[in-house]
Amino acid sequence: MAKTADRKKKVDCLSRMMAVRDALDVINGKWKLMILISISDGNSRFREIERSIPKINSKVLAKELKDLEEHQLIKRTVIDGYPVLIEYTATDYVMSLEKVMDSLYDWGVNHRKKIFAK
């Protein structure tokens, strides 16, 4: 009986780790969440997003925008005209990250206070 409980515990632990790894694969790195915050705050053009995020370079931003689009967290819209405009907007799906982002914000504020208060 104890072996069955131990096996179930290991399976549950592995299942939790796999789900967290899948989530981190989507939002990993130091830029993706910042890009999502920038877009959610109204920065929709490439240069606006780039200027709103300190120290990000164009090549990295382009790659991260493509990844976020592939994961359906943002939408890329091409607006015909001269010059052609490209806008990025957050999708409804990004709202599923709202609690995660709020929790990370709260944790980060408290962590900064704890570490730098010394």
C-alpha atoms as a PDB file:
ATOM      1  CA  MET A   1       0.000   0.000   0.000  1.00  0.00           C
ATOM      2  CA  ALA A   2       2.840   2.409   0.841  1.00  0.00           C
ATOM      3  CA  LYS A   3       4.503   1.679  -2.521  1.00  0.00           C
ATOM      4  CA  THR A   4       1.318   2.677  -4.340  1.00  0.00           C
ATOM      5  CA  ALA A   5       1.102   5.955  -2.391  1.00  0.00           C
ATOM      6  CA  ASP A   6       4.786   6.677  -3.073  1.00  0.00           C
ATOM      7  CA  ARG A   7       4.323   5.939  -6.771  1.00  0.00           C
ATOM      8  CA  LYS A   8       1.269   8.218  -6.941  1.00  0.00           C
ATOM      9  CA  LYS A   9       3.211  10.974  -5.149  1.00  0.00           C
ATOM     10  CA  LYS A  10       6.052  10.683  -7.678  1.00  0.00           C
ATOM     11  CA  VAL A  11       3.617  10.789 -10.607  1.00  0.00           C
ATOM     12  CA  ASP A  12       1.883  13.864  -9.149  1.00  0.00           C
ATOM     13  CA  CYS A  13       5.249  15.559  -8.615  1.00  0.00           C
ATOM     14  CA  LEU A  14       6.362  14.771 -12.165  1.00  0.00           C
ATOM     15  CA  SER A  15       3.035  15.976 -13.551  1.00  0.00           C
ATOM     16  CA  ARG A  16       3.410  19.285 -11.698  1.00  0.00           C
ATOM     17  CA  MET A  17       6.986  19.684 -12.916  1.00  0.00           C
ATOM     18  CA  MET A  18       5.978  18.993 -16.531  1.00  0.00           C
ATOM     19  CA  ALA A  19       3.175  21.574 -16.402  1.00  0.00           C
ATOM     20  CA  VAL A  20       5.484  24.209 -14.905  1.00  0.00           C
ATOM     21  CA  ARG A  21       8.166  23.414 -17.483  1.00  0.00           C
ATOM     22  CA  ASP A  22       5.613  23.798 -20.297  1.00  0.00           C
ATOM     23  CA  ALA A  23       4.566  27.196 -18.901  1.00  0.00           C
ATOM     24  CA  LEU A  24       8.167  28.334 -18.507  1.00  0.00           C
ATOM     25  CA  ASP A  25       8.946  27.244 -22.073  1.00  0.00           C
ATOM     26  CA  VAL A  26       6.390  29.822 -23.247  1.00  0.00           C
ATOM     27  CA  ILE A  27       7.342  32.755 -20.996  1.00  0.00           C
ATOM     28  CA  ASN A  28      11.002  31.962 -20.342  1.00  0.00           C
ATOM     29  CA  GLY A  29      13.806  34.460 -20.493  1.00  0.00           C
ATOM     30  CA  LYS A  30      14.057  37.982 -19.253  1.00  0.00           C
ATOM     31  CA  TRP A  31      12.202  39.638 -22.134  1.00  0.00           C
ATOM     32  CA  LYS A  32       8.897  37.894 -22.882  1.00  0.00           C
ATOM     33  CA  LEU A  33       6.949  39.069 -19.857  1.00  0.00           C
ATOM     34  CA  MET A  34       8.331  42.584 -20.244  1.00  0.00           C
ATOM     35  CA  ILE A  35       7.212  42.581 -23.889  1.00  0.00           C
ATOM     36  CA  LEU A  36       3.741  41.408 -22.876  1.00  0.00           C
ATOM     37  CA  ILE A  37       3.542  44.138 -20.242  1.00  0.00           C
ATOM     38  CA  SER A  38       4.677  46.750 -22.769  1.00  0.00           C
ATOM     39  CA  ILE A  39       2.102  45.664 -25.348  1.00  0.00           C
ATOM     40  CA  SER A  40      -0.640  45.420 -22.707  1.00  0.00           C
ATOM     41  CA  ASP A  41       0.203  48.990 -21.642  1.00  0.00           C
ATOM     42  CA  GLY A  42      -0.468  50.264 -25.165  1.00  0.00           C
ATOM     43  CA  ASN A  43       2.858  50.044 -26.973  1.00  0.00           C
ATOM     44  CA  SER A  44       1.845  48.453 -30.261  1.00  0.00           C
ATOM     45  CA  ARG A  45       4.571  49.370 -32.747  1.00  0.00           C
ATOM     46  CA  PHE A  46       7.978  47.680 -32.838  1.00  0.00           C
ATOM     47  CA  ARG A  47       9.937  50.840 -31.968  1.00  0.00           C
ATOM     48  CA  GLU A  48       7.518  51.766 -29.163  1.00  0.00           C
ATOM     49  CA  ILE A  49       7.977  48.350 -27.611  1.00  0.00           C
ATOM     50  CA  GLU A  50      11.743  48.516 -28.098  1.00  0.00           C
ATOM     51  CA  ARG A  51      12.000  51.965 -26.486  1.00  0.00           C
ATOM     52  CA  SER A  52       9.839  50.949 -23.526  1.00  0.00           C
ATOM     53  CA  ILE A  53      12.136  48.059 -22.544  1.00  0.00           C
ATOM     54  CA  PRO A  54      15.605  49.104 -21.390  1.00  0.00           C
ATOM     55  CA  LYS A  55      18.541  47.217 -22.909  1.00  0.00           C
ATOM     56  CA  ILE A  56      16.594  45.031 -25.359  1.00  0.00           C
ATOM     57  CA  ASN A  57      17.993  44.987 -28.890  1.00  0.00           C
ATOM     58  CA  SER A  58      16.063  44.799 -32.159  1.00  0.00           C
ATOM     59  CA  LYS A  59      17.152  41.281 -33.066  1.00  0.00           C
ATOM     60  CA  VAL A  60      16.094  39.848 -29.701  1.00  0.00           C
ATOM     61  CA  LEU A  61      12.811  41.767 -29.758  1.00  0.00           C
ATOM     62  CA  ALA A  62      11.968  40.453 -33.239  1.00  0.00           C
ATOM     63  CA  LYS A  63      12.661  36.860 -32.158  1.00  0.00           C
ATOM     64  CA  GLU A  64      10.655  37.180 -28.947  1.00  0.00           C
ATOM     65  CA  LEU A  65       7.694  38.796 -30.759  1.00  0.00           C
ATOM     66  CA  LYS A  66       7.675  35.882 -33.204  1.00  0.00           C
ATOM     67  CA  ASP A  67       7.710  33.368 -30.323  1.00  0.00           C
ATOM     68  CA  LEU A  68       4.884  35.151 -28.518  1.00  0.00           C
ATOM     69  CA  GLU A  69       2.859  35.214 -31.732  1.00  0.00           C
ATOM     70  CA  GLU A  70       3.428  31.476 -32.267  1.00  0.00           C
ATOM     71  CA  HIS A  71       2.105  30.839 -28.752  1.00  0.00           C
ATOM     72  CA  GLN A  72      -0.947  32.997 -29.542  1.00  0.00           C
ATOM     73  CA  LEU A  73      -0.235  35.525 -26.805  1.00  0.00           C
ATOM     74  CA  ILE A  74       0.037  38.434 -29.235  1.00  0.00           C
ATOM     75  CA  LYS A  75      -1.329  39.197 -32.676  1.00  0.00           C
ATOM     76  CA  ARG A  76       0.698  40.821 -35.461  1.00  0.00           C
ATOM     77  CA  THR A  77      -1.342  43.002 -37.818  1.00  0.00           C
ATOM     78  CA  VAL A  78      -0.010  44.459 -41.063  1.00  0.00           C
ATOM     79  CA  ILE A  79      -1.702  47.722 -42.023  1.00  0.00           C
ATOM     80  CA  ASP A  80      -1.379  48.498 -45.727  1.00  0.00           C
ATOM     81  CA  GLY A  81      -0.381  51.989 -46.627  1.00  0.00           C
ATOM     82  CA  TYR A  82       2.746  53.967 -47.125  1.00  0.00           C
ATOM     83  CA  PRO A  83       4.710  53.154 -45.188  1.00  0.00           C
ATOM     84  CA  VAL A  84       3.340  49.745 -44.230  1.00  0.00           C
ATOM     85  CA  LEU A  85       2.610  49.652 -40.509  1.00  0.00           C
ATOM     86  CA  ILE A  86       2.874  46.620 -38.261  1.00  0.00           C
ATOM     87  CA  GLU A  87       1.080  46.573 -34.935  1.00  0.00           C
ATOM     88  CA  TYR A  88       1.226  44.070 -32.103  1.00  0.00           C
ATOM     89  CA  THR A  89      -1.696  43.566 -29.753  1.00  0.00           C
ATOM     90  CA  ALA A  90      -2.288  41.260 -26.825  1.00  0.00           C
ATOM     91  CA  THR A  91      -4.751  38.452 -27.502  1.00  0.00           C
ATOM     92  CA  ASP A  92      -7.509  37.375 -25.142  1.00  0.00           C
ATOM     93  CA  TYR A  93      -5.360  34.338 -24.353  1.00  0.00           C
ATOM     94  CA  VAL A  94      -2.751  36.546 -22.658  1.00  0.00           C
ATOM     95  CA  MET A  95      -5.363  37.288 -19.996  1.00  0.00           C
ATOM     96  CA  SER A  96      -4.833  33.719 -18.759  1.00  0.00           C
ATOM     97  CA  LEU A  97      -1.397  34.933 -17.584  1.00  0.00           C
ATOM     98  CA  GLU A  98      -2.778  37.902 -15.648  1.00  0.00           C
ATOM     99  CA  LYS A  99      -2.741  36.155 -12.242  1.00  0.00           C
ATOM    100  CA  VAL A 100       0.753  34.812 -12.903  1.00  0.00           C
ATOM    101  CA  MET A 101       2.053  38.252 -13.862  1.00  0.00           C
ATOM    102  CA  ASP A 102       0.357  39.900 -10.861  1.00  0.00           C
ATOM    103  CA  SER A 103       1.828  37.273  -8.535  1.00  0.00           C
ATOM    104  CA  LEU A 104       5.301  37.720 -10.053  1.00  0.00           C
ATOM    105  CA  TYR A 105       4.973  41.485  -9.644  1.00  0.00           C
ATOM    106  CA  ASP A 106       3.972  41.170  -5.975  1.00  0.00           C
ATOM    107  CA  TRP A 107       6.736  38.660  -5.296  1.00  0.00           C
ATOM    108  CA  GLY A 108       9.306  40.820  -7.082  1.00  0.00           C
ATOM    109  CA  VAL A 109       8.363  43.942  -5.097  1.00  0.00           C
ATOM    110  CA  ASN A 110       8.584  42.039  -1.811  1.00  0.00           C
ATOM    111  CA  HIS A 111      11.826  40.321  -2.809  1.00  0.00           C
ATOM    112  CA  ARG A 112      13.429  43.626  -3.744  1.00  0.00           C
ATOM    113  CA  LYS A 113      12.410  45.057  -0.348  1.00  0.00           C
ATOM    114  CA  LYS A 114      13.800  42.022   1.471  1.00  0.00           C
ATOM    115  CA  ILE A 115      17.108  41.921  -0.379  1.00  0.00           C
ATOM    116  CA  PHE A 116      17.829  45.639  -0.689  1.00  0.00           C
ATOM    117  CA  ALA A 117      16.452  46.674   2.711  1.00  0.00           C
ATOM    118  CA  LYS A 118      19.644  45.484   4.391  1.00  0.00           C
END
